[in-house]
C-alpha atoms as a PDB file:
ATOM      1  CA  MET A   1     -23.019  -4.936  20.259  1.00  0.00           C
ATOM      2  CA  SER A   2     -25.260  -7.987  20.532  1.00  0.00           C
ATOM      3  CA  ARG A   3     -24.558 -10.344  23.404  1.00  0.00           C
ATOM      4  CA  ALA A   4     -23.313 -13.886  22.846  1.00  0.00           C
ATOM      5  CA  PRO A   5     -25.328 -16.999  23.798  1.00  0.00           C
ATOM      6  CA  ILE A   6     -23.129 -17.785  26.787  1.00  0.00           C
ATOM      7  CA  ALA A   7     -24.104 -18.710  30.347  1.00  0.00           C
ATOM      8  CA  ILE A   8     -21.401 -17.729  32.810  1.00  0.00           C
ATOM      9  CA  ALA A   9     -20.981 -20.469  35.436  1.00  0.00           C
ATOM     10  CA  LEU A  10     -21.027 -18.468  38.671  1.00  0.00           C
ATOM     11  CA  ASP A  11     -19.155 -21.003  40.810  1.00  0.00           C
ATOM     12  CA  ALA A  12     -17.972 -18.232  43.098  1.00  0.00           C
ATOM     13  CA  PRO A  13     -16.615 -18.626  46.651  1.00  0.00           C
ATOM     14  CA  ASP A  14     -18.803 -15.778  47.935  1.00  0.00           C
ATOM     15  CA  LEU A  15     -21.444 -13.316  46.806  1.00  0.00           C
ATOM     16  CA  ALA A  16     -18.982 -10.455  46.427  1.00  0.00           C
ATOM     17  CA  THR A  17     -17.003 -12.449  43.873  1.00  0.00           C
ATOM     18  CA  LEU A  18     -20.208 -13.493  42.132  1.00  0.00           C
ATOM     19  CA  ARG A  19     -21.308  -9.879  41.810  1.00  0.00           C
ATOM     20  CA  GLY A  20     -17.938  -8.932  40.395  1.00  0.00           C
ATOM     21  CA  TRP A  21     -18.043 -11.624  37.744  1.00  0.00           C
ATOM     22  CA  VAL A  22     -21.571 -10.628  36.723  1.00  0.00           C
ATOM     23  CA  SER A  23     -20.780  -6.915  36.514  1.00  0.00           C
ATOM     24  CA  GLN A  24     -17.714  -7.619  34.378  1.00  0.00           C
ATOM     25  CA  THR A  25     -19.405  -9.995  31.928  1.00  0.00           C
ATOM     26  CA  SER A  26     -23.110  -9.180  31.605  1.00  0.00           C
ATOM     27  CA  GLU A  27     -22.430  -6.672  28.832  1.00  0.00           C
ATOM     28  CA  TYR A  28     -21.238  -9.525  26.622  1.00  0.00           C
ATOM     29  CA  VAL A  29     -23.401 -12.566  27.493  1.00  0.00           C
ATOM     30  CA  THR A  30     -27.081 -13.389  27.855  1.00  0.00           C
ATOM     31  CA  THR A  31     -27.237 -15.706  30.861  1.00  0.00           C
ATOM     32  CA  MET A  32     -25.915 -16.289  34.384  1.00  0.00           C
ATOM     33  CA  LYS A  33     -25.812 -19.825  35.776  1.00  0.00           C
ATOM     34  CA  VAL A  34     -26.271 -20.346  39.510  1.00  0.00           C
ATOM     35  CA  GLY A  35     -25.151 -23.862  40.360  1.00  0.00           C
ATOM     36  CA  LEU A  36     -25.706 -26.300  43.178  1.00  0.00           C
ATOM     37  CA  GLU A  37     -22.817 -25.268  45.434  1.00  0.00           C
ATOM     38  CA  VAL A  38     -23.656 -21.562  45.335  1.00  0.00           C
ATOM     39  CA  PHE A  39     -27.397 -22.112  45.719  1.00  0.00           C
ATOM     40  CA  CYS A  40     -26.893 -24.441  48.692  1.00  0.00           C
ATOM     41  CA  ARG A  41     -24.729 -21.811  50.360  1.00  0.00           C
ATOM     42  CA  ASP A  42     -26.494 -18.577  49.419  1.00  0.00           C
ATOM     43  CA  GLY A  43     -29.973 -19.601  48.274  1.00  0.00           C
ATOM     44  CA  HIS A  44     -32.169 -17.022  46.580  1.00  0.00           C
ATOM     45  CA  ALA A  45     -29.651 -14.329  47.515  1.00  0.00           C
ATOM     46  CA  ALA A  46     -27.364 -15.654  44.780  1.00  0.00           C
ATOM     47  CA  ILE A  47     -30.057 -15.150  42.155  1.00  0.00           C
ATOM     48  CA  SER A  48     -30.827 -11.662  43.436  1.00  0.00           C
ATOM     49  CA  ALA A  49     -27.124 -10.792  43.460  1.00  0.00           C
ATOM     50  CA  ALA A  50     -26.725 -11.941  39.860  1.00  0.00           C
ATOM     51  CA  ARG A  51     -29.675  -9.883  38.684  1.00  0.00           C
ATOM     52  CA  ASP A  52     -28.708  -6.798  40.679  1.00  0.00           C
ATOM     53  CA  ALA A  53     -25.069  -6.815  39.530  1.00  0.00           C
ATOM     54  CA  ALA A  54     -25.887  -7.172  35.839  1.00  0.00           C
ATOM     55  CA  THR A  55     -25.402  -4.040  33.782  1.00  0.00           C
ATOM     56  CA  THR A  56     -28.160  -5.236  31.438  1.00  0.00           C
ATOM     57  CA  PRO A  57     -30.956  -7.777  32.067  1.00  0.00           C
ATOM     58  CA  VAL A  58     -29.824 -11.408  32.045  1.00  0.00           C
ATOM     59  CA  ASP A  59     -31.537 -14.784  32.084  1.00  0.00           C
ATOM     60  CA  ILE A  60     -31.052 -16.923  35.180  1.00  0.00           C
ATOM     61  CA  PHE A  61     -30.069 -20.545  34.668  1.00  0.00           C
ATOM     62  CA  LEU A  62     -30.684 -22.375  37.952  1.00  0.00           C
ATOM     63  CA  ASP A  63     -28.581 -25.513  37.694  1.00  0.00           C
ATOM     64  CA  LEU A  64     -29.753 -27.734  40.567  1.00  0.00           C
ATOM     65  CA  LYS A  65     -29.977 -31.032  38.642  1.00  0.00           C
ATOM     66  CA  LEU A  66     -32.992 -32.213  40.622  1.00  0.00           C
ATOM     67  CA  HIS A  67     -33.370 -35.993  40.823  1.00  0.00           C
ATOM     68  CA  ASP A  68     -35.953 -37.535  43.146  1.00  0.00           C
ATOM     69  CA  ILE A  69     -39.456 -38.949  43.108  1.00  0.00           C
ATOM     70  CA  PRO A  70     -41.915 -36.857  41.064  1.00  0.00           C
ATOM     71  CA  ALA A  71     -43.733 -35.340  44.060  1.00  0.00           C
ATOM     72  CA  THR A  72     -40.494 -34.171  45.662  1.00  0.00           C
ATOM     73  CA  VAL A  73     -39.154 -32.654  42.440  1.00  0.00           C
ATOM     74  CA  ALA A  74     -42.473 -30.898  41.843  1.00  0.00           C
ATOM     75  CA  GLY A  75     -42.340 -29.475  45.357  1.00  0.00           C
ATOM     76  CA  ALA A  76     -38.764 -28.278  44.860  1.00  0.00           C
ATOM     77  CA  ALA A  77     -39.744 -26.644  41.566  1.00  0.00           C
ATOM     78  CA  ARG A  78     -42.633 -24.809  43.213  1.00  0.00           C
ATOM     79  CA  ALA A  79     -40.313 -23.705  46.017  1.00  0.00           C
ATOM     80  CA  ILE A  80     -38.138 -21.728  43.603  1.00  0.00           C
ATOM     81  CA  ALA A  81     -40.987 -20.335  41.478  1.00  0.00           C
ATOM     82  CA  SER A  82     -40.637 -16.870  43.016  1.00  0.00           C
ATOM     83  CA  ALA A  83     -37.076 -16.658  41.670  1.00  0.00           C
ATOM     84  CA  GLN A  84     -38.456 -16.912  38.108  1.00  0.00           C
ATOM     85  CA  PRO A  85     -35.473 -18.692  36.550  1.00  0.00           C
ATOM     86  CA  ARG A  86     -35.414 -18.989  32.792  1.00  0.00           C
ATOM     87  CA  PHE A  87     -33.967 -22.511  33.088  1.00  0.00           C
ATOM     88  CA  LEU A  88     -34.119 -25.149  35.837  1.00  0.00           C
ATOM     89  CA  THR A  89     -32.203 -28.400  35.455  1.00  0.00           C
ATOM     90  CA  VAL A  90     -33.376 -31.891  36.347  1.00  0.00           C
ATOM     91  CA  HIS A  91     -31.641 -35.183  35.614  1.00  0.00           C
ATOM     92  CA  ALA A  92     -33.177 -36.901  32.593  1.00  0.00           C
ATOM     93  CA  SER A  93     -32.394 -40.227  34.254  1.00  0.00           C
ATOM     94  CA  GLY A  94     -35.069 -39.399  36.837  1.00  0.00           C
ATOM     95  CA  GLY A  95     -37.576 -40.570  34.256  1.00  0.00           C
ATOM     96  CA  PRO A  96     -40.568 -39.163  32.369  1.00  0.00           C
ATOM     97  CA  ALA A  97     -42.914 -38.864  35.354  1.00  0.00           C
ATOM     98  CA  MET A  98     -40.380 -36.791  37.273  1.00  0.00           C
ATOM     99  CA  ILE A  99     -39.718 -34.512  34.297  1.00  0.00           C
ATOM    100  CA  ALA A 100     -43.439 -34.069  33.671  1.00  0.00           C
ATOM    101  CA  ALA A 101     -44.008 -33.212  37.332  1.00  0.00           C
ATOM    102  CA  ALA A 102     -41.349 -30.479  37.204  1.00  0.00           C
ATOM    103  CA  ALA A 103     -42.738 -29.048  33.969  1.00  0.00           C
ATOM    104  CA  GLU A 104     -46.276 -28.964  35.379  1.00  0.00           C
ATOM    105  CA  ALA A 105     -45.134 -27.348  38.633  1.00  0.00           C
ATOM    106  CA  LEU A 106     -43.105 -24.615  36.927  1.00  0.00           C
ATOM    107  CA  PRO A 107     -44.783 -23.878  33.570  1.00  0.00           C
ATOM    108  CA  ASP A 108     -43.143 -20.482  33.022  1.00  0.00           C
ATOM    109  CA  THR A 109     -39.626 -21.924  33.304  1.00  0.00           C
ATOM    110  CA  LEU A 110     -37.861 -24.081  30.723  1.00  0.00           C
ATOM    111  CA  ILE A 111     -37.372 -27.401  32.476  1.00  0.00           C
ATOM    112  CA  THR A 112     -33.938 -28.453  31.298  1.00  0.00           C
ATOM    113  CA  ALA A 113     -33.069 -32.147  31.284  1.00  0.00           C
ATOM    114  CA  VAL A 114     -29.428 -33.069  31.864  1.00  0.00           C
ATOM    115  CA  THR A 115     -28.627 -36.102  29.721  1.00  0.00           C
ATOM    116  CA  VAL A 116     -25.123 -37.468  30.477  1.00  0.00           C
ATOM    117  CA  LEU A 117     -22.694 -35.401  32.522  1.00  0.00           C
ATOM    118  CA  THR A 118     -19.719 -34.105  30.528  1.00  0.00           C
ATOM    119  CA  SER A 119     -17.375 -35.565  33.143  1.00  0.00           C
ATOM    120  CA  LEU A 120     -18.398 -39.120  32.130  1.00  0.00           C
ATOM    121  CA  ASP A 121     -16.956 -41.279  29.366  1.00  0.00           C
ATOM    122  CA  ASP A 122     -17.590 -44.803  28.060  1.00  0.00           C
ATOM    123  CA  THR A 123     -15.868 -46.433  31.019  1.00  0.00           C
ATOM    124  CA  ASP A 124     -17.993 -44.478  33.484  1.00  0.00           C
ATOM    125  CA  LEU A 125     -21.201 -45.401  31.681  1.00  0.00           C
ATOM    126  CA  ASP A 126     -20.255 -49.071  31.865  1.00  0.00           C
ATOM    127  CA  ALA A 127     -19.535 -48.737  35.587  1.00  0.00           C
ATOM    128  CA  ILE A 128     -22.951 -47.272  36.365  1.00  0.00           C
ATOM    129  CA  GLY A 129     -24.817 -49.616  34.032  1.00  0.00           C
ATOM    130  CA  LEU A 130     -25.991 -47.027  31.506  1.00  0.00           C
ATOM    131  CA  VAL A 131     -26.039 -48.453  27.993  1.00  0.00           C
ATOM    132  CA  GLY A 132     -23.655 -46.437  25.834  1.00  0.00           C
ATOM    133  CA  PRO A 133     -21.717 -45.202  23.997  1.00  0.00           C
ATOM    134  CA  PRO A 134     -22.317 -41.654  25.289  1.00  0.00           C
ATOM    135  CA  GLU A 135     -23.938 -40.394  22.088  1.00  0.00           C
ATOM    136  CA  SER A 136     -26.485 -43.210  22.052  1.00  0.00           C
ATOM    137  CA  ALA A 137     -27.300 -42.707  25.730  1.00  0.00           C
ATOM    138  CA  VAL A 138     -27.628 -38.949  25.319  1.00  0.00           C
ATOM    139  CA  VAL A 139     -29.944 -39.181  22.308  1.00  0.00           C
ATOM    140  CA  ARG A 140     -32.098 -41.805  24.028  1.00  0.00           C
ATOM    141  CA  LEU A 141     -32.460 -39.661  27.154  1.00  0.00           C
ATOM    142  CA  ALA A 142     -33.063 -36.523  25.089  1.00  0.00           C
ATOM    143  CA  LYS A 143     -35.977 -38.077  23.233  1.00  0.00           C
ATOM    144  CA  MET A 144     -37.546 -39.379  26.427  1.00  0.00           C
ATOM    145  CA  ALA A 145     -37.122 -36.068  28.272  1.00  0.00           C
ATOM    146  CA  THR A 146     -38.606 -33.874  25.568  1.00  0.00           C
ATOM    147  CA  ALA A 147     -41.551 -36.242  25.156  1.00  0.00           C
ATOM    148  CA  ALA A 148     -42.157 -35.822  28.898  1.00  0.00           C
ATOM    149  CA  GLY A 149     -42.202 -32.021  28.732  1.00  0.00           C
ATOM    150  CA  ALA A 150     -38.594 -30.806  28.940  1.00  0.00           C
ATOM    151  CA  ARG A 151     -38.143 -27.743  26.762  1.00  0.00           C
ATOM    152  CA  ALA A 152     -34.365 -27.606  26.990  1.00  0.00           C
ATOM    153  CA  LEU A 153     -31.588 -30.184  27.196  1.00  0.00           C
ATOM    154  CA  VAL A 154     -28.025 -30.271  28.465  1.00  0.00           C
ATOM    155  CA  CYS A 155     -25.600 -32.365  26.451  1.00  0.00           C
ATOM    156  CA  SER A 156     -21.904 -32.233  25.693  1.00  0.00           C
ATOM    157  CA  PRO A 157     -20.799 -30.475  22.499  1.00  0.00           C
ATOM    158  CA  GLN A 158     -19.762 -33.832  21.106  1.00  0.00           C
ATOM    159  CA  GLU A 159     -23.399 -35.004  21.011  1.00  0.00           C
ATOM    160  CA  VAL A 160     -25.161 -31.745  20.215  1.00  0.00           C
ATOM    161  CA  ALA A 161     -25.437 -32.367  16.454  1.00  0.00           C
ATOM    162  CA  ALA A 162     -27.005 -35.797  17.002  1.00  0.00           C
ATOM    163  CA  VAL A 163     -29.391 -34.404  19.617  1.00  0.00           C
ATOM    164  CA  ARG A 164     -30.448 -31.537  17.365  1.00  0.00           C
ATOM    165  CA  HIS A 165     -31.217 -34.041  14.624  1.00  0.00           C
ATOM    166  CA  ALA A 166     -33.209 -36.170  17.067  1.00  0.00           C
ATOM    167  CA  VAL A 167     -35.327 -33.474  18.755  1.00  0.00           C
ATOM    168  CA  GLY A 168     -35.675 -30.804  16.071  1.00  0.00           C
ATOM    169  CA  ALA A 169     -35.488 -27.028  16.207  1.00  0.00           C
ATOM    170  CA  GLY A 170     -37.939 -26.255  19.010  1.00  0.00           C
ATOM    171  CA  ILE A 171     -35.785 -27.430  21.931  1.00  0.00           C
ATOM    172  CA  VAL A 172     -33.060 -25.275  23.506  1.00  0.00           C
ATOM    173  CA  LEU A 173     -29.743 -27.140  23.530  1.00  0.00           C
ATOM    174  CA  ILE A 174     -27.279 -26.134  26.234  1.00  0.00           C
ATOM    175  CA  THR A 175     -23.682 -27.325  26.128  1.00  0.00           C
ATOM    176  CA  PRO A 176     -21.201 -27.349  28.987  1.00  0.00           C
ATOM    177  CA  GLY A 177     -17.697 -28.704  28.362  1.00  0.00           C
ATOM    178  CA  VAL A 178     -16.909 -25.732  26.139  1.00  0.00           C
ATOM    179  CA  ARG A 179     -13.249 -24.718  26.063  1.00  0.00           C
ATOM    180  CA  PRO A 180     -11.358 -22.281  23.806  1.00  0.00           C
ATOM    181  CA  ALA A 181      -8.802 -23.979  21.555  1.00  0.00           C
ATOM    182  CA  GLY A 182      -5.751 -24.916  23.592  1.00  0.00           C
ATOM    183  CA  GLY A 183      -7.481 -24.343  26.933  1.00  0.00           C
ATOM    184  CA  ALA A 184      -7.336 -26.739  29.868  1.00  0.00           C
ATOM    185  CA  THR A 185     -10.171 -29.280  29.965  1.00  0.00           C
ATOM    186  CA  ASP A 186     -10.157 -29.423  33.809  1.00  0.00           C
ATOM    187  CA  ASP A 187     -12.643 -32.125  34.910  1.00  0.00           C
ATOM    188  CA  GLN A 188     -14.522 -32.188  31.590  1.00  0.00           C
ATOM    189  CA  ARG A 189     -13.944 -35.134  29.244  1.00  0.00           C
ATOM    190  CA  ARG A 190     -16.255 -34.532  26.281  1.00  0.00           C
ATOM    191  CA  VAL A 191     -15.348 -31.032  25.135  1.00  0.00           C
ATOM    192  CA  ALA A 192     -15.256 -28.775  22.070  1.00  0.00           C
ATOM    193  CA  THR A 193     -14.516 -25.174  21.196  1.00  0.00           C
ATOM    194  CA  PRO A 194     -17.295 -22.557  21.435  1.00  0.00           C
ATOM    195  CA  GLN A 195     -17.312 -22.099  17.667  1.00  0.00           C
ATOM    196  CA  GLN A 196     -17.707 -25.836  17.016  1.00  0.00           C
ATOM    197  CA  ALA A 197     -20.503 -26.204  19.568  1.00  0.00           C
ATOM    198  CA  ILE A 198     -22.505 -23.390  17.961  1.00  0.00           C
ATOM    199  CA  ALA A 199     -21.861 -24.732  14.460  1.00  0.00           C
ATOM    200  CA  ASP A 200     -23.179 -28.137  15.538  1.00  0.00           C
ATOM    201  CA  GLY A 201     -26.469 -26.724  16.823  1.00  0.00           C
ATOM    202  CA  ALA A 202     -26.007 -25.489  20.391  1.00  0.00           C
ATOM    203  CA  ASP A 203     -28.176 -22.571  21.486  1.00  0.00           C
ATOM    204  CA  LEU A 204     -26.410 -21.702  24.743  1.00  0.00           C
ATOM    205  CA  LEU A 205     -22.837 -22.399  25.891  1.00  0.00           C
ATOM    206  CA  VAL A 206     -21.949 -22.838  29.554  1.00  0.00           C
ATOM    207  CA  ILE A 207     -18.505 -21.369  30.210  1.00  0.00           C
ATOM    208  CA  GLY A 208     -16.916 -20.998  33.626  1.00  0.00           C
ATOM    209  CA  ARG A 209     -13.219 -21.134  34.361  1.00  0.00           C
ATOM    210  CA  PRO A 210     -11.970 -19.991  30.925  1.00  0.00           C
ATOM    211  CA  ILE A 211     -13.662 -16.679  31.820  1.00  0.00           C
ATOM    212  CA  THR A 212     -13.923 -16.496  35.606  1.00  0.00           C
ATOM    213  CA  ALA A 213     -10.371 -17.738  36.250  1.00  0.00           C
ATOM    214  CA  ALA A 214      -8.847 -15.362  33.714  1.00  0.00           C
ATOM    215  CA  ALA A 215      -6.562 -12.550  34.834  1.00  0.00           C
ATOM    216  CA  ASP A 216      -8.987 -10.127  33.177  1.00  0.00           C
ATOM    217  CA  VAL A 217     -12.512 -11.535  33.452  1.00  0.00           C
ATOM    218  CA  SER A 218     -14.097  -8.828  31.328  1.00  0.00           C
ATOM    219  CA  LEU A 219     -11.552  -9.226  28.533  1.00  0.00           C
ATOM    220  CA  ALA A 220     -11.955 -13.006  28.522  1.00  0.00           C
ATOM    221  CA  ALA A 221     -15.737 -12.714  28.232  1.00  0.00           C
ATOM    222  CA  ARG A 222     -15.497 -10.089  25.527  1.00  0.00           C
ATOM    223  CA  THR A 223     -12.960 -12.113  23.530  1.00  0.00           C
ATOM    224  CA  ILE A 224     -14.930 -15.361  23.602  1.00  0.00           C
ATOM    225  CA  ALA A 225     -18.183 -13.533  22.835  1.00  0.00           C
ATOM    226  CA  ALA A 226     -16.590 -11.782  19.868  1.00  0.00           C
ATOM    227  CA  SER A 227     -15.272 -15.086  18.529  1.00  0.00           C
ATOM    228  CA  LEU A 228     -18.841 -16.321  18.100  1.00  0.00           C
ATOM    229  CA  ARG A 229     -19.897 -13.494  15.803  1.00  0.00           C
END
């Protein structure tokens, strides 16, 4: 059975839980996402744990959302080179020089530019002074980031079709804010179902709590993966 283009968000309270989630889901998905909280707590051990617990090889999505001056982001990128992540996130709003610095420092990793967080809506964009609506802001940032060297983008499923049209087929589009029909949206505001996100052009879906908070983690992963075939 082929695995689904899903990145499990490993927002685990400890490494033992992380290993359990990976072992129960890696048969069905392609990617494991190590986020900021886990990496700050466990560092490279979290990446090693994810790889070691997988029953079949998985890609590592290191979701640190780096945002600083270009030299600092380049140094941070070089500091995690030994972990060999498939994806490393930076904030697109850090600007083209910062994105280019990350891409140059880590050429074997897909530098992944986060456009507009899925927790933000029109009101939030107004409050922070980012010209919206969200779709316009996302497309504008996506074009800038890919021109600067980003080879993947993070956008909500509600903008993925517009982003695909804007950047073409060569860029990996990653969508958080993915929820099965009828599922709780939690702190996400711009959401869609897995099937809709894929239909609109997403390459990789980030899914956390609908799988990791399920009573049967393996069954939840298998069910959502099967729904995409």
